[in-house]
Amino acid sequence: WMLQEDDGGMFCLEMTPVYVKEMLCDWKGAGKAQKSELSVKEWYENHKTKMRFHPKTRDYLEKLLDERCYRS
């Protein structure tokens, strides 16, 4: 979802909903594999400042985190 530009900068591409959902499932699975007690939403809140997303992707991601089972 990130594209490196010729000048070395980074450009965030908008992710489709299916890939955002897949990413959330990956995060949830990784948390279970690592026996983390954090929910996906808690993990995201702790790490979101280190992640770059297209603004529309971030909005959709955060909407899903608020609505779905990623809160617990």
N, C-alpha and C. Protein backbone atom coordinates (compact mmCIF):
# COMPACT_ATOMS: atom_id res chain seq x y z
N TRP A 1 0.81 -1.19 0.00
CA TRP A 1 0.00 0.00 0.00
C TRP A 1 0.85 1.26 0.00
N MET A 2 2.18 1.08 0.00
CA MET A 2 3.07 2.23 -0.06
C MET A 2 3.94 2.14 -1.31
N LEU A 3 4.14 3.25 -1.94
CA LEU A 3 4.90 3.33 -3.17
C LEU A 3 6.06 4.29 -2.96
N GLN A 4 7.27 3.82 -3.27
CA GLN A 4 8.43 4.70 -3.15
C GLN A 4 8.55 5.53 -4.42
N GLU A 5 8.67 6.83 -4.25
CA GLU A 5 8.80 7.74 -5.38
C GLU A 5 10.26 7.86 -5.78
N ASP A 6 10.51 8.36 -6.98
CA ASP A 6 11.87 8.48 -7.50
C ASP A 6 12.77 9.34 -6.61
N ASP A 7 12.18 10.32 -5.94
CA ASP A 7 12.97 11.21 -5.08
C ASP A 7 13.23 10.61 -3.69
N GLY A 8 12.79 9.36 -3.48
CA GLY A 8 13.00 8.69 -2.21
C GLY A 8 11.85 8.83 -1.24
N GLY A 9 10.88 9.69 -1.56
CA GLY A 9 9.72 9.85 -0.70
C GLY A 9 8.78 8.65 -0.80
N MET A 10 7.82 8.60 0.08
CA MET A 10 6.85 7.51 0.09
C MET A 10 5.46 8.08 -0.17
N PHE A 11 4.68 7.32 -0.91
CA PHE A 11 3.31 7.70 -1.25
C PHE A 11 2.40 6.56 -0.82
N CYS A 12 1.41 6.86 -0.01
CA CYS A 12 0.48 5.83 0.46
C CYS A 12 -0.66 5.67 -0.52
N LEU A 13 -0.87 4.45 -0.96
CA LEU A 13 -1.97 4.13 -1.86
C LEU A 13 -3.19 3.73 -1.05
N GLU A 14 -4.37 4.02 -1.57
CA GLU A 14 -5.59 3.60 -0.90
C GLU A 14 -5.74 2.09 -1.02
N MET A 15 -6.02 1.44 0.08
CA MET A 15 -6.23 -0.02 0.09
C MET A 15 -7.71 -0.30 -0.12
N THR A 16 -8.01 -1.38 -0.84
CA THR A 16 -9.40 -1.77 -1.01
C THR A 16 -9.92 -2.36 0.30
N PRO A 17 -11.23 -2.31 0.51
CA PRO A 17 -11.80 -2.85 1.76
C PRO A 17 -11.40 -4.29 2.04
N VAL A 18 -11.35 -5.12 1.03
CA VAL A 18 -11.01 -6.53 1.26
C VAL A 18 -9.60 -6.67 1.83
N TYR A 19 -8.66 -5.85 1.38
CA TYR A 19 -7.29 -5.93 1.88
C TYR A 19 -7.16 -5.32 3.28
N VAL A 20 -7.96 -4.32 3.58
CA VAL A 20 -7.96 -3.76 4.94
C VAL A 20 -8.46 -4.82 5.91
N LYS A 21 -9.54 -5.52 5.54
CA LYS A 21 -10.08 -6.58 6.39
C LYS A 21 -9.08 -7.72 6.55
N GLU A 22 -8.39 -8.06 5.47
CA GLU A 22 -7.38 -9.12 5.54
C GLU A 22 -6.25 -8.71 6.49
N MET A 23 -5.84 -7.45 6.42
CA MET A 23 -4.78 -6.95 7.30
C MET A 23 -5.21 -7.05 8.76
N LEU A 24 -6.45 -6.69 9.05
CA LEU A 24 -6.95 -6.79 10.42
C LEU A 24 -6.96 -8.24 10.90
N CYS A 25 -7.35 -9.15 10.03
CA CYS A 25 -7.32 -10.57 10.38
C CYS A 25 -5.89 -11.03 10.65
N ASP A 26 -4.95 -10.55 9.85
CA ASP A 26 -3.53 -10.88 10.07
C ASP A 26 -3.07 -10.37 11.44
N TRP A 27 -3.45 -9.15 11.77
CA TRP A 27 -3.07 -8.58 13.06
C TRP A 27 -3.67 -9.40 14.20
N LYS A 28 -4.93 -9.79 14.04
CA LYS A 28 -5.59 -10.58 15.09
C LYS A 28 -4.89 -11.93 15.25
N GLY A 29 -4.57 -12.58 14.13
CA GLY A 29 -3.88 -13.86 14.18
C GLY A 29 -2.49 -13.74 14.79
N ALA A 30 -1.78 -12.68 14.45
CA ALA A 30 -0.44 -12.46 15.02
C ALA A 30 -0.53 -12.27 16.53
N GLY A 31 -1.54 -11.55 16.98
CA GLY A 31 -1.72 -11.35 18.41
C GLY A 31 -1.97 -12.66 19.14
N LYS A 32 -2.79 -13.52 18.53
CA LYS A 32 -3.05 -14.83 19.14
C LYS A 32 -1.79 -15.68 19.16
N ALA A 33 -1.04 -15.67 18.05
CA ALA A 33 0.19 -16.47 17.96
C ALA A 33 1.21 -16.01 18.99
N GLN A 34 1.24 -14.71 19.27
CA GLN A 34 2.19 -14.16 20.24
C GLN A 34 1.63 -14.16 21.66
N LYS A 35 0.41 -14.69 21.80
CA LYS A 35 -0.26 -14.75 23.10
C LYS A 35 -0.39 -13.37 23.75
N SER A 36 -0.66 -12.38 22.90
CA SER A 36 -0.83 -11.01 23.39
C SER A 36 -2.20 -10.87 24.06
N GLU A 37 -2.24 -10.10 25.12
CA GLU A 37 -3.50 -9.83 25.80
C GLU A 37 -4.18 -8.58 25.26
N LEU A 38 -3.52 -7.90 24.32
CA LEU A 38 -4.10 -6.70 23.72
C LEU A 38 -5.11 -7.08 22.65
N SER A 39 -6.19 -6.32 22.56
CA SER A 39 -7.10 -6.48 21.43
C SER A 39 -6.42 -5.85 20.20
N VAL A 40 -6.96 -6.12 19.03
CA VAL A 40 -6.42 -5.51 17.81
C VAL A 40 -6.52 -3.99 17.91
N LYS A 41 -7.64 -3.51 18.42
CA LYS A 41 -7.81 -2.06 18.56
C LYS A 41 -6.77 -1.48 19.52
N GLU A 42 -6.53 -2.13 20.64
CA GLU A 42 -5.53 -1.65 21.60
C GLU A 42 -4.14 -1.66 20.97
N TRP A 43 -3.82 -2.74 20.23
CA TRP A 43 -2.52 -2.82 19.56
C TRP A 43 -2.37 -1.68 18.56
N TYR A 44 -3.43 -1.46 17.76
CA TYR A 44 -3.40 -0.38 16.77
C TYR A 44 -3.19 0.97 17.45
N GLU A 45 -3.92 1.23 18.52
CA GLU A 45 -3.79 2.51 19.23
C GLU A 45 -2.35 2.72 19.72
N ASN A 46 -1.70 1.65 20.12
CA ASN A 46 -0.31 1.73 20.60
C ASN A 46 0.70 1.93 19.48
N HIS A 47 0.34 1.58 18.25
CA HIS A 47 1.30 1.60 17.15
C HIS A 47 0.93 2.51 15.98
N LYS A 48 -0.23 3.13 16.00
CA LYS A 48 -0.71 3.86 14.83
C LYS A 48 0.18 5.02 14.42
N THR A 49 0.90 5.61 15.35
CA THR A 49 1.76 6.74 14.97
C THR A 49 2.96 6.29 14.14
N LYS A 50 3.26 4.98 14.16
CA LYS A 50 4.38 4.44 13.40
C LYS A 50 3.96 3.92 12.03
N MET A 51 2.65 3.92 11.76
CA MET A 51 2.13 3.35 10.51
C MET A 51 1.61 4.44 9.59
N ARG A 52 1.92 4.28 8.32
CA ARG A 52 1.46 5.25 7.32
C ARG A 52 0.39 4.60 6.46
N PHE A 53 -0.73 5.28 6.32
CA PHE A 53 -1.83 4.83 5.48
C PHE A 53 -2.38 6.01 4.69
N HIS A 54 -2.99 5.71 3.56
CA HIS A 54 -3.76 6.71 2.84
C HIS A 54 -4.87 7.17 3.78
N PRO A 55 -5.24 8.45 3.78
CA PRO A 55 -6.27 8.93 4.70
C PRO A 55 -7.59 8.15 4.62
N LYS A 56 -8.02 7.78 3.42
CA LYS A 56 -9.27 7.01 3.29
C LYS A 56 -9.11 5.61 3.87
N THR A 57 -7.93 5.03 3.71
CA THR A 57 -7.67 3.71 4.28
C THR A 57 -7.70 3.78 5.80
N ARG A 58 -7.05 4.79 6.37
CA ARG A 58 -7.03 4.94 7.83
C ARG A 58 -8.45 5.15 8.36
N ASP A 59 -9.24 5.96 7.68
CA ASP A 59 -10.62 6.19 8.11
C ASP A 59 -11.41 4.89 8.12
N TYR A 60 -11.28 4.10 7.06
CA TYR A 60 -12.01 2.83 6.98
C TYR A 60 -11.51 1.85 8.04
N LEU A 61 -10.21 1.77 8.20
CA LEU A 61 -9.60 0.89 9.20
C LEU A 61 -10.12 1.23 10.60
N GLU A 62 -10.12 2.50 10.94
CA GLU A 62 -10.58 2.91 12.26
C GLU A 62 -12.08 2.69 12.44
N LYS A 63 -12.83 2.84 11.37
CA LYS A 63 -14.27 2.54 11.42
C LYS A 63 -14.48 1.06 11.74
N LEU A 64 -13.75 0.18 11.07
CA LEU A 64 -13.87 -1.25 11.34
C LEU A 64 -13.47 -1.58 12.77
N LEU A 65 -12.40 -0.97 13.23
CA LEU A 65 -11.94 -1.23 14.60
C LEU A 65 -12.98 -0.81 15.63
N ASP A 66 -13.74 0.22 15.34
CA ASP A 66 -14.78 0.67 16.26
C ASP A 66 -16.03 -0.20 16.20
N GLU A 67 -16.30 -0.80 15.04
CA GLU A 67 -17.55 -1.52 14.83
C GLU A 67 -17.48 -3.01 15.11
N ARG A 68 -16.35 -3.62 14.95
CA ARG A 68 -16.28 -5.07 14.90
C ARG A 68 -15.65 -5.70 16.12
N CYS A 69 -15.36 -6.97 15.99
CA CYS A 69 -14.86 -7.79 17.10
C CYS A 69 -13.39 -7.53 17.41
N TYR A 70 -12.79 -6.53 16.80
CA TYR A 70 -11.37 -6.26 17.02
C TYR A 70 -11.15 -5.51 18.33
N ARG A 71 -12.24 -5.19 19.02
CA ARG A 71 -12.13 -4.41 20.26
C ARG A 71 -11.80 -5.27 21.46
N SER A 72 -12.02 -6.57 21.35
CA SER A 72 -11.76 -7.43 22.52
C SER A 72 -10.95 -8.64 22.14
